[in-house]
Amino acid sequence: MQFTPTEVDGCWIVDLETIGDDRGFFARTFDRAEFEAHGIDPFIAQGNMSFNHKAGTLRGMHRQIEPHAEGKLVRCISGSIVDCCLDLREDSPTFGKNVMVELSAENRRALWIPPYCAHGYYTLTDNTEVTYQVSGPYAPQGEKGQRYDDPAFGLEWPGEVVVISQKDLNWPDWDGKAIR
């Protein structure tokens, strides 16, 4: 695997290093020691998947607050998305910054979202499937979110949002307080 740092502290792009032959290729998608070497706690508590019917679907911006840390390794296994990590850790040197990365079945890229950062994605194609390896169990009492179009952050999604849940549409605008 190849780890590339992003503009958000602790957020990594994870690319596969493939070994190919006439059958196709083999690649390691997870290696505890390599994740630890990049400062990532490799513990996986849950594996999740989402399916999205339409291009222009937006999910996010979701995060968990203390004591419900939840880092995510996100990979698109069918179709393509633009994945977003928004740093809402007030003690972070990159607080308020975001990174958007295209993840697709074709590029087989993954994105590590550090705990306490907000996460969301926008589907670029119909019939998109996304998998998440998550470092902590989902805790409804620790769930928080921010609006995908909150002017405080200026997130630049690649197109019009045509499908979004009521919950995601109704997250509050940023109030200036980071609740870790």
C-alpha atoms as a PDB file:
ATOM      1  CA  MET A   1       0.000   0.000   0.000  1.00  0.00           C
ATOM      2  CA  GLN A   2       1.035   3.540  -0.635  1.00  0.00           C
ATOM      3  CA  PHE A   3       0.030   6.234   1.884  1.00  0.00           C
ATOM      4  CA  THR A   4      -0.203   9.845   0.715  1.00  0.00           C
ATOM      5  CA  PRO A   5      -0.821  12.612   3.279  1.00  0.00           C
ATOM      6  CA  THR A   6      -3.514  15.179   2.541  1.00  0.00           C
ATOM      7  CA  GLU A   7      -4.076  18.796   3.599  1.00  0.00           C
ATOM      8  CA  VAL A   8      -5.982  17.525   6.663  1.00  0.00           C
ATOM      9  CA  ASP A   9      -3.701  16.329   9.465  1.00  0.00           C
ATOM     10  CA  GLY A  10      -4.008  12.546   9.881  1.00  0.00           C
ATOM     11  CA  CYS A  11      -6.146  12.057   6.762  1.00  0.00           C
ATOM     12  CA  TRP A  12      -4.458   9.720   4.270  1.00  0.00           C
ATOM     13  CA  ILE A  13      -5.088   8.570   0.713  1.00  0.00           C
ATOM     14  CA  VAL A  14      -4.377   4.839   0.586  1.00  0.00           C
ATOM     15  CA  ASP A  15      -3.518   3.419  -2.829  1.00  0.00           C
ATOM     16  CA  LEU A  16      -3.015  -0.229  -3.663  1.00  0.00           C
ATOM     17  CA  GLU A  17       0.254  -1.669  -4.855  1.00  0.00           C
ATOM     18  CA  THR A  18      -0.821  -4.406  -7.217  1.00  0.00           C
ATOM     19  CA  ILE A  19       1.048  -7.539  -8.228  1.00  0.00           C
ATOM     20  CA  GLY A  20      -0.277  -8.684 -11.584  1.00  0.00           C
ATOM     21  CA  ASP A  21      -0.101 -11.644 -13.890  1.00  0.00           C
ATOM     22  CA  ASP A  22      -2.318 -13.223 -16.598  1.00  0.00           C
ATOM     23  CA  ARG A  23      -5.040 -13.931 -14.023  1.00  0.00           C
ATOM     24  CA  GLY A  24      -5.356 -10.274 -12.986  1.00  0.00           C
ATOM     25  CA  PHE A  25      -3.757  -8.865  -9.860  1.00  0.00           C
ATOM     26  CA  PHE A  26      -3.393  -9.256  -6.101  1.00  0.00           C
ATOM     27  CA  ALA A  27      -3.190  -6.350  -3.637  1.00  0.00           C
ATOM     28  CA  ARG A  28      -3.176  -5.942   0.108  1.00  0.00           C
ATOM     29  CA  THR A  29      -5.987  -3.602   1.236  1.00  0.00           C
ATOM     30  CA  PHE A  30      -5.118  -3.552   4.932  1.00  0.00           C
ATOM     31  CA  ASP A  31      -1.950  -4.147   6.936  1.00  0.00           C
ATOM     32  CA  ARG A  32      -1.932  -3.404  10.650  1.00  0.00           C
ATOM     33  CA  ALA A  33       1.794  -2.600  10.799  1.00  0.00           C
ATOM     34  CA  GLU A  34       1.630  -0.189   7.847  1.00  0.00           C
ATOM     35  CA  PHE A  35      -1.345   1.645   9.323  1.00  0.00           C
ATOM     36  CA  GLU A  36       0.434   1.924  12.691  1.00  0.00           C
ATOM     37  CA  ALA A  37       3.569   3.228  10.941  1.00  0.00           C
ATOM     38  CA  HIS A  38       1.432   6.106   9.584  1.00  0.00           C
ATOM     39  CA  GLY A  39      -0.040   6.961  12.993  1.00  0.00           C
ATOM     40  CA  ILE A  40      -3.376   5.251  12.337  1.00  0.00           C
ATOM     41  CA  ASP A  41      -4.926   3.053  15.009  1.00  0.00           C
ATOM     42  CA  PRO A  42      -5.631  -0.093  12.974  1.00  0.00           C
ATOM     43  CA  PHE A  43      -8.450  -1.394  15.187  1.00  0.00           C
ATOM     44  CA  ILE A  44     -11.584  -2.208  13.165  1.00  0.00           C
ATOM     45  CA  ALA A  45     -14.836  -2.460  15.145  1.00  0.00           C
ATOM     46  CA  GLN A  46     -17.326  -2.503  12.261  1.00  0.00           C
ATOM     47  CA  GLY A  47     -17.586  -2.945   8.527  1.00  0.00           C
ATOM     48  CA  ASN A  48     -20.368  -1.023   6.777  1.00  0.00           C
ATOM     49  CA  MET A  49     -21.628  -0.593   3.218  1.00  0.00           C
ATOM     50  CA  SER A  50     -23.920   1.918   1.536  1.00  0.00           C
ATOM     51  CA  PHE A  51     -25.608   1.698  -1.857  1.00  0.00           C
ATOM     52  CA  ASN A  52     -26.751   4.778  -3.749  1.00  0.00           C
ATOM     53  CA  HIS A  53     -29.168   4.617  -6.680  1.00  0.00           C
ATOM     54  CA  LYS A  54     -28.493   8.003  -8.261  1.00  0.00           C
ATOM     55  CA  ALA A  55     -25.587  10.205  -9.241  1.00  0.00           C
ATOM     56  CA  GLY A  56     -25.804  13.449  -7.274  1.00  0.00           C
ATOM     57  CA  THR A  57     -26.573  11.718  -3.973  1.00  0.00           C
ATOM     58  CA  LEU A  58     -24.935  13.355  -0.973  1.00  0.00           C
ATOM     59  CA  ARG A  59     -24.365  11.658   2.377  1.00  0.00           C
ATOM     60  CA  GLY A  60     -22.874  13.751   5.163  1.00  0.00           C
ATOM     61  CA  MET A  61     -21.382  15.562   6.916  1.00  0.00           C
ATOM     62  CA  HIS A  62     -21.269  13.046   9.790  1.00  0.00           C
ATOM     63  CA  ARG A  63     -18.999  12.665  12.802  1.00  0.00           C
ATOM     64  CA  GLN A  64     -18.942  11.124  16.263  1.00  0.00           C
ATOM     65  CA  ILE A  65     -17.995  13.109  19.383  1.00  0.00           C
ATOM     66  CA  GLU A  66     -16.162  11.953  22.522  1.00  0.00           C
ATOM     67  CA  PRO A  67     -16.120   9.378  23.880  1.00  0.00           C
ATOM     68  CA  HIS A  68     -17.308   7.736  20.638  1.00  0.00           C
ATOM     69  CA  ALA A  69     -14.217   8.026  18.407  1.00  0.00           C
ATOM     70  CA  GLU A  70     -14.833   6.702  14.914  1.00  0.00           C
ATOM     71  CA  GLY A  71     -12.107   6.735  12.273  1.00  0.00           C
ATOM     72  CA  LYS A  72     -13.118   5.431   8.846  1.00  0.00           C
ATOM     73  CA  LEU A  73     -11.326   3.743   5.978  1.00  0.00           C
ATOM     74  CA  VAL A  74     -13.613   4.463   3.017  1.00  0.00           C
ATOM     75  CA  ARG A  75     -13.449   2.711  -0.363  1.00  0.00           C
ATOM     76  CA  CYS A  76     -15.802   2.885  -3.363  1.00  0.00           C
ATOM     77  CA  ILE A  77     -16.251  -0.602  -4.828  1.00  0.00           C
ATOM     78  CA  SER A  78     -18.799   0.178  -7.559  1.00  0.00           C
ATOM     79  CA  GLY A  79     -19.125   3.463  -9.433  1.00  0.00           C
ATOM     80  CA  SER A  80     -17.394   6.606  -8.186  1.00  0.00           C
ATOM     81  CA  ILE A  81     -17.683   9.254  -5.478  1.00  0.00           C
ATOM     82  CA  VAL A  82     -16.000  12.393  -4.254  1.00  0.00           C
ATOM     83  CA  ASP A  83     -15.216  11.730  -0.595  1.00  0.00           C
ATOM     84  CA  CYS A  84     -14.762  14.623   1.843  1.00  0.00           C
ATOM     85  CA  CYS A  85     -12.923  14.877   5.162  1.00  0.00           C
ATOM     86  CA  LEU A  86     -13.578  18.100   7.110  1.00  0.00           C
ATOM     87  CA  ASP A  87     -11.346  18.727  10.127  1.00  0.00           C
ATOM     88  CA  LEU A  88     -13.471  19.800  13.102  1.00  0.00           C
ATOM     89  CA  ARG A  89     -10.873  18.970  15.796  1.00  0.00           C
ATOM     90  CA  GLU A  90     -10.239  22.330  17.452  1.00  0.00           C
ATOM     91  CA  ASP A  91      -6.778  21.211  18.665  1.00  0.00           C
ATOM     92  CA  SER A  92      -5.737  20.245  15.123  1.00  0.00           C
ATOM     93  CA  PRO A  93      -3.264  22.330  13.091  1.00  0.00           C
ATOM     94  CA  THR A  94      -5.625  21.901  10.119  1.00  0.00           C
ATOM     95  CA  PHE A  95      -8.873  22.790  11.943  1.00  0.00           C
ATOM     96  CA  GLY A  96     -11.523  23.952   9.449  1.00  0.00           C
ATOM     97  CA  LYS A  97      -9.705  22.590   6.388  1.00  0.00           C
ATOM     98  CA  ASN A  98     -11.116  19.930   4.132  1.00  0.00           C
ATOM     99  CA  VAL A  99      -9.938  17.543   1.488  1.00  0.00           C
ATOM    100  CA  MET A 100     -11.976  16.003  -1.333  1.00  0.00           C
ATOM    101  CA  VAL A 101     -10.723  12.886  -3.106  1.00  0.00           C
ATOM    102  CA  GLU A 102     -12.261  10.883  -5.932  1.00  0.00           C
ATOM    103  CA  LEU A 103     -12.676   7.232  -4.958  1.00  0.00           C
ATOM    104  CA  SER A 104     -13.840   4.776  -7.599  1.00  0.00           C
ATOM    105  CA  ALA A 105     -14.047   1.125  -8.484  1.00  0.00           C
ATOM    106  CA  GLU A 106     -11.551   1.937 -11.229  1.00  0.00           C
ATOM    107  CA  ASN A 107      -8.866   3.667  -9.128  1.00  0.00           C
ATOM    108  CA  ARG A 108      -9.405   1.353  -6.094  1.00  0.00           C
ATOM    109  CA  ARG A 109      -8.257   4.176  -3.832  1.00  0.00           C
ATOM    110  CA  ALA A 110      -9.281   4.512  -0.166  1.00  0.00           C
ATOM    111  CA  LEU A 111      -9.377   7.480   2.191  1.00  0.00           C
ATOM    112  CA  TRP A 112      -8.644   7.350   5.924  1.00  0.00           C
ATOM    113  CA  ILE A 113     -10.874   9.787   7.847  1.00  0.00           C
ATOM    114  CA  PRO A 114      -9.445  10.474  11.347  1.00  0.00           C
ATOM    115  CA  PRO A 115     -11.712  10.335  14.401  1.00  0.00           C
ATOM    116  CA  TYR A 116     -13.685  13.518  15.143  1.00  0.00           C
ATOM    117  CA  CYS A 117     -13.435  14.773  11.553  1.00  0.00           C
ATOM    118  CA  ALA A 118     -16.696  15.170   9.652  1.00  0.00           C
ATOM    119  CA  HIS A 119     -17.167  12.876   6.671  1.00  0.00           C
ATOM    120  CA  GLY A 120     -19.428  12.901   3.657  1.00  0.00           C
ATOM    121  CA  TYR A 121     -19.474  12.003   0.006  1.00  0.00           C
ATOM    122  CA  TYR A 122     -21.144  12.855  -3.298  1.00  0.00           C
ATOM    123  CA  THR A 123     -21.901  10.176  -5.889  1.00  0.00           C
ATOM    124  CA  LEU A 124     -20.609  10.799  -9.397  1.00  0.00           C
ATOM    125  CA  THR A 125     -22.371   7.788 -10.952  1.00  0.00           C
ATOM    126  CA  ASP A 126     -25.588   5.827 -10.541  1.00  0.00           C
ATOM    127  CA  ASN A 127     -25.516   2.548  -8.582  1.00  0.00           C
ATOM    128  CA  THR A 128     -22.584   3.399  -6.357  1.00  0.00           C
ATOM    129  CA  GLU A 129     -21.449   1.152  -3.478  1.00  0.00           C
ATOM    130  CA  VAL A 130     -19.173   2.342  -0.712  1.00  0.00           C
ATOM    131  CA  THR A 131     -17.570   0.289   2.069  1.00  0.00           C
ATOM    132  CA  TYR A 132     -16.322   1.622   5.407  1.00  0.00           C
ATOM    133  CA  GLN A 133     -14.038  -0.068   7.895  1.00  0.00           C
ATOM    134  CA  VAL A 134     -14.760   1.784  11.124  1.00  0.00           C
ATOM    135  CA  SER A 135     -12.562   1.981  14.247  1.00  0.00           C
ATOM    136  CA  GLY A 136     -15.422   2.302  16.743  1.00  0.00           C
ATOM    137  CA  PRO A 137     -18.995   1.095  16.973  1.00  0.00           C
ATOM    138  CA  TYR A 138     -21.691   3.520  15.879  1.00  0.00           C
ATOM    139  CA  ALA A 139     -23.170   5.319  18.893  1.00  0.00           C
ATOM    140  CA  PRO A 140     -26.350   7.295  18.130  1.00  0.00           C
ATOM    141  CA  GLN A 141     -25.869   9.448  21.245  1.00  0.00           C
ATOM    142  CA  GLY A 142     -22.466  10.573  19.907  1.00  0.00           C
ATOM    143  CA  GLU A 143     -23.591  11.425  16.380  1.00  0.00           C
ATOM    144  CA  LYS A 144     -23.235  15.003  15.193  1.00  0.00           C
ATOM    145  CA  GLY A 145     -23.274  16.585  11.780  1.00  0.00           C
ATOM    146  CA  GLN A 146     -22.797  19.772   9.834  1.00  0.00           C
ATOM    147  CA  ARG A 147     -24.617  20.992   6.762  1.00  0.00           C
ATOM    148  CA  TYR A 148     -23.007  19.983   3.477  1.00  0.00           C
ATOM    149  CA  ASP A 149     -23.444  23.561   2.219  1.00  0.00           C
ATOM    150  CA  ASP A 150     -22.577  25.436   5.417  1.00  0.00           C
ATOM    151  CA  PRO A 151     -21.014  28.748   4.310  1.00  0.00           C
ATOM    152  CA  ALA A 152     -18.503  28.538   7.195  1.00  0.00           C
ATOM    153  CA  PHE A 153     -16.602  25.813   5.340  1.00  0.00           C
ATOM    154  CA  GLY A 154     -17.151  26.560   1.644  1.00  0.00           C
ATOM    155  CA  LEU A 155     -17.211  22.910   0.590  1.00  0.00           C
ATOM    156  CA  GLU A 156     -17.160  22.714  -3.201  1.00  0.00           C
ATOM    157  CA  TRP A 157     -19.112  19.640  -4.279  1.00  0.00           C
ATOM    158  CA  PRO A 158     -18.693  18.608  -7.923  1.00  0.00           C
ATOM    159  CA  GLY A 159     -22.348  19.005  -8.909  1.00  0.00           C
ATOM    160  CA  GLU A 160     -25.922  19.655  -7.867  1.00  0.00           C
ATOM    161  CA  VAL A 161     -27.210  17.642  -4.928  1.00  0.00           C
ATOM    162  CA  VAL A 162     -30.268  15.763  -6.200  1.00  0.00           C
ATOM    163  CA  VAL A 163     -30.739  13.203  -3.400  1.00  0.00           C
ATOM    164  CA  ILE A 164     -30.114  13.855   0.305  1.00  0.00           C
ATOM    165  CA  SER A 165     -31.786  12.596   3.477  1.00  0.00           C
ATOM    166  CA  GLN A 166     -33.886  14.938   5.609  1.00  0.00           C
ATOM    167  CA  LYS A 167     -31.458  14.324   8.454  1.00  0.00           C
ATOM    168  CA  ASP A 168     -28.470  15.451   6.378  1.00  0.00           C
ATOM    169  CA  LEU A 169     -30.394  18.391   4.939  1.00  0.00           C
ATOM    170  CA  ASN A 170     -31.277  19.593   8.439  1.00  0.00           C
ATOM    171  CA  TRP A 171     -27.891  19.471  10.177  1.00  0.00           C
ATOM    172  CA  PRO A 172     -27.226  22.892  11.732  1.00  0.00           C
ATOM    173  CA  ASP A 173     -24.845  25.485  10.370  1.00  0.00           C
ATOM    174  CA  TRP A 174     -21.551  25.741  12.250  1.00  0.00           C
ATOM    175  CA  ASP A 175     -21.958  27.588  15.531  1.00  0.00           C
ATOM    176  CA  GLY A 176     -18.246  28.157  16.041  1.00  0.00           C
ATOM    177  CA  LYS A 177     -17.962  25.534  18.760  1.00  0.00           C
ATOM    178  CA  ALA A 178     -16.060  22.337  18.174  1.00  0.00           C
ATOM    179  CA  ILE A 179     -17.514  19.604  20.331  1.00  0.00           C
ATOM    180  CA  ARG A 180     -15.036  16.826  20.135  1.00  0.00           C
END
